N, C-alpha and C. Protein backbone atom coordinates (compact mmCIF):
# COMPACT_ATOMS: atom_id res chain seq x y z
N UNK A 1 7.63 -6.86 -7.35
CA UNK A 1 7.64 -6.15 -6.08
C UNK A 1 7.30 -7.15 -4.98
N UNK A 2 7.94 -7.00 -3.85
CA UNK A 2 7.71 -7.86 -2.68
C UNK A 2 6.85 -7.14 -1.64
N UNK A 3 6.00 -7.88 -0.99
CA UNK A 3 5.12 -7.35 0.05
C UNK A 3 5.94 -6.96 1.28
N UNK A 4 5.73 -5.76 1.82
CA UNK A 4 6.45 -5.37 3.02
C UNK A 4 6.02 -6.16 4.26
N UNK A 5 4.84 -6.75 4.22
CA UNK A 5 4.33 -7.50 5.36
C UNK A 5 4.82 -8.95 5.38
N UNK A 6 4.66 -9.67 4.24
CA UNK A 6 4.95 -11.11 4.24
C UNK A 6 6.00 -11.53 3.20
N UNK A 7 6.52 -10.58 2.44
CA UNK A 7 7.50 -10.83 1.37
C UNK A 7 6.93 -11.63 0.21
N UNK A 8 5.60 -11.68 0.09
CA UNK A 8 4.95 -12.37 -1.03
C UNK A 8 4.98 -11.51 -2.28
N UNK A 9 4.51 -12.05 -3.37
CA UNK A 9 4.49 -11.34 -4.66
C UNK A 9 3.30 -10.39 -4.71
N UNK A 10 3.55 -9.18 -5.18
CA UNK A 10 2.49 -8.17 -5.32
C UNK A 10 2.21 -7.93 -6.80
N UNK A 11 0.98 -7.56 -7.09
CA UNK A 11 0.60 -7.26 -8.46
C UNK A 11 -0.19 -5.95 -8.48
N UNK A 12 -0.12 -5.26 -9.62
CA UNK A 12 -0.82 -3.98 -9.78
C UNK A 12 -2.31 -4.24 -9.98
N UNK A 13 -3.11 -3.39 -9.35
CA UNK A 13 -4.55 -3.51 -9.47
C UNK A 13 -5.16 -2.12 -9.46
N UNK A 14 -6.24 -1.92 -10.19
CA UNK A 14 -6.93 -0.63 -10.23
C UNK A 14 -8.12 -0.69 -9.28
N UNK A 15 -8.24 0.35 -8.44
CA UNK A 15 -9.33 0.45 -7.48
C UNK A 15 -10.20 1.65 -7.84
N UNK A 16 -11.48 1.57 -7.52
CA UNK A 16 -12.41 2.64 -7.85
C UNK A 16 -13.07 3.15 -6.58
N UNK A 17 -13.06 4.47 -6.45
CA UNK A 17 -13.70 5.17 -5.35
C UNK A 17 -15.00 5.76 -5.91
N UNK A 18 -15.76 6.45 -5.10
CA UNK A 18 -16.95 7.12 -5.60
C UNK A 18 -16.59 8.26 -6.54
N UNK A 19 -15.43 8.85 -6.35
CA UNK A 19 -15.05 10.04 -7.09
C UNK A 19 -13.95 9.76 -8.13
N UNK A 20 -13.03 8.85 -7.83
CA UNK A 20 -11.87 8.67 -8.69
C UNK A 20 -11.46 7.20 -8.73
N UNK A 21 -10.48 6.92 -9.56
CA UNK A 21 -9.86 5.60 -9.58
C UNK A 21 -8.37 5.77 -9.30
N UNK A 22 -7.75 4.72 -8.77
CA UNK A 22 -6.32 4.79 -8.46
C UNK A 22 -5.71 3.41 -8.58
N UNK A 23 -4.40 3.41 -8.84
CA UNK A 23 -3.65 2.16 -8.95
C UNK A 23 -2.95 1.88 -7.63
N UNK A 24 -2.89 0.61 -7.28
CA UNK A 24 -2.22 0.20 -6.06
C UNK A 24 -1.62 -1.19 -6.28
N UNK A 25 -0.79 -1.59 -5.33
CA UNK A 25 -0.20 -2.94 -5.35
C UNK A 25 -0.92 -3.79 -4.32
N UNK A 26 -1.27 -5.02 -4.70
CA UNK A 26 -1.95 -5.95 -3.79
C UNK A 26 -1.15 -7.23 -3.69
N UNK A 27 -0.96 -7.72 -2.48
CA UNK A 27 -0.21 -8.95 -2.25
C UNK A 27 -1.09 -10.16 -2.56
N UNK A 28 -0.54 -11.11 -3.30
CA UNK A 28 -1.29 -12.30 -3.64
C UNK A 28 -1.35 -13.29 -2.48
N UNK A 29 -0.50 -13.11 -1.46
CA UNK A 29 -0.49 -14.03 -0.31
C UNK A 29 -1.37 -13.54 0.84
N UNK A 30 -1.09 -12.32 1.34
CA UNK A 30 -1.79 -11.84 2.53
C UNK A 30 -2.87 -10.80 2.23
N UNK A 31 -2.91 -10.27 1.00
CA UNK A 31 -3.95 -9.31 0.63
C UNK A 31 -3.65 -7.87 1.00
N UNK A 32 -2.46 -7.58 1.48
CA UNK A 32 -2.09 -6.21 1.84
C UNK A 32 -2.13 -5.33 0.59
N UNK A 33 -2.69 -4.12 0.73
CA UNK A 33 -2.79 -3.17 -0.38
C UNK A 33 -1.93 -1.97 -0.06
N UNK A 34 -1.09 -1.55 -1.03
CA UNK A 34 -0.19 -0.42 -0.83
C UNK A 34 -0.31 0.50 -2.04
N UNK A 35 -0.51 1.80 -1.76
CA UNK A 35 -0.47 2.81 -2.80
C UNK A 35 0.34 3.99 -2.29
N UNK A 36 0.46 5.03 -3.07
CA UNK A 36 1.31 6.16 -2.68
C UNK A 36 0.80 6.87 -1.43
N UNK A 37 -0.51 6.99 -1.27
CA UNK A 37 -1.07 7.63 -0.09
C UNK A 37 -0.79 6.81 1.17
N UNK A 38 -0.93 5.51 1.09
CA UNK A 38 -0.65 4.64 2.24
C UNK A 38 0.81 4.75 2.63
N UNK A 39 1.71 4.75 1.65
CA UNK A 39 3.14 4.85 1.95
C UNK A 39 3.48 6.19 2.60
N UNK A 40 2.87 7.29 2.13
CA UNK A 40 3.10 8.60 2.72
C UNK A 40 2.60 8.64 4.17
N UNK A 41 1.42 8.09 4.42
CA UNK A 41 0.88 8.08 5.78
C UNK A 41 1.72 7.22 6.72
N UNK A 42 2.21 6.09 6.23
CA UNK A 42 3.07 5.24 7.06
C UNK A 42 4.38 5.94 7.40
N UNK A 43 4.96 6.63 6.43
CA UNK A 43 6.21 7.36 6.67
C UNK A 43 5.98 8.50 7.65
N UNK A 44 4.87 9.20 7.51
CA UNK A 44 4.56 10.32 8.41
C UNK A 44 4.32 9.83 9.83
N UNK A 45 3.59 8.73 9.99
CA UNK A 45 3.28 8.24 11.34
C UNK A 45 4.52 7.64 12.00
N UNK A 46 5.40 7.00 11.25
CA UNK A 46 6.60 6.43 11.85
C UNK A 46 7.59 7.53 12.24
N UNK A 47 7.64 8.63 11.50
CA UNK A 47 8.55 9.73 11.85
C UNK A 47 8.02 10.51 13.05
N UNK A 48 6.72 10.54 13.27
CA UNK A 48 6.17 11.25 14.42
C UNK A 48 6.47 10.51 15.71
N UNK A 49 6.64 9.19 15.66
CA UNK A 49 6.98 8.43 16.86
C UNK A 49 8.43 8.66 17.28
N UNK A 50 9.28 9.05 16.33
CA UNK A 50 10.69 9.27 16.65
C UNK A 50 10.90 10.56 17.42
N UNK A 51 9.96 11.47 17.36
CA UNK A 51 10.06 12.69 18.13
C UNK A 51 10.41 13.80 17.27
């Protein structure tokens, strides 16, 4: 998978919250983290700007 920010290589990583754990992708170059919730929020915010 390629990073949407810098086109670097991303790898799967498990993150832990106080309540749950979740899997996400982390870029090895810039450190950007992407999971399903982040992608949904980005899609929702970009569609709200379109009107």
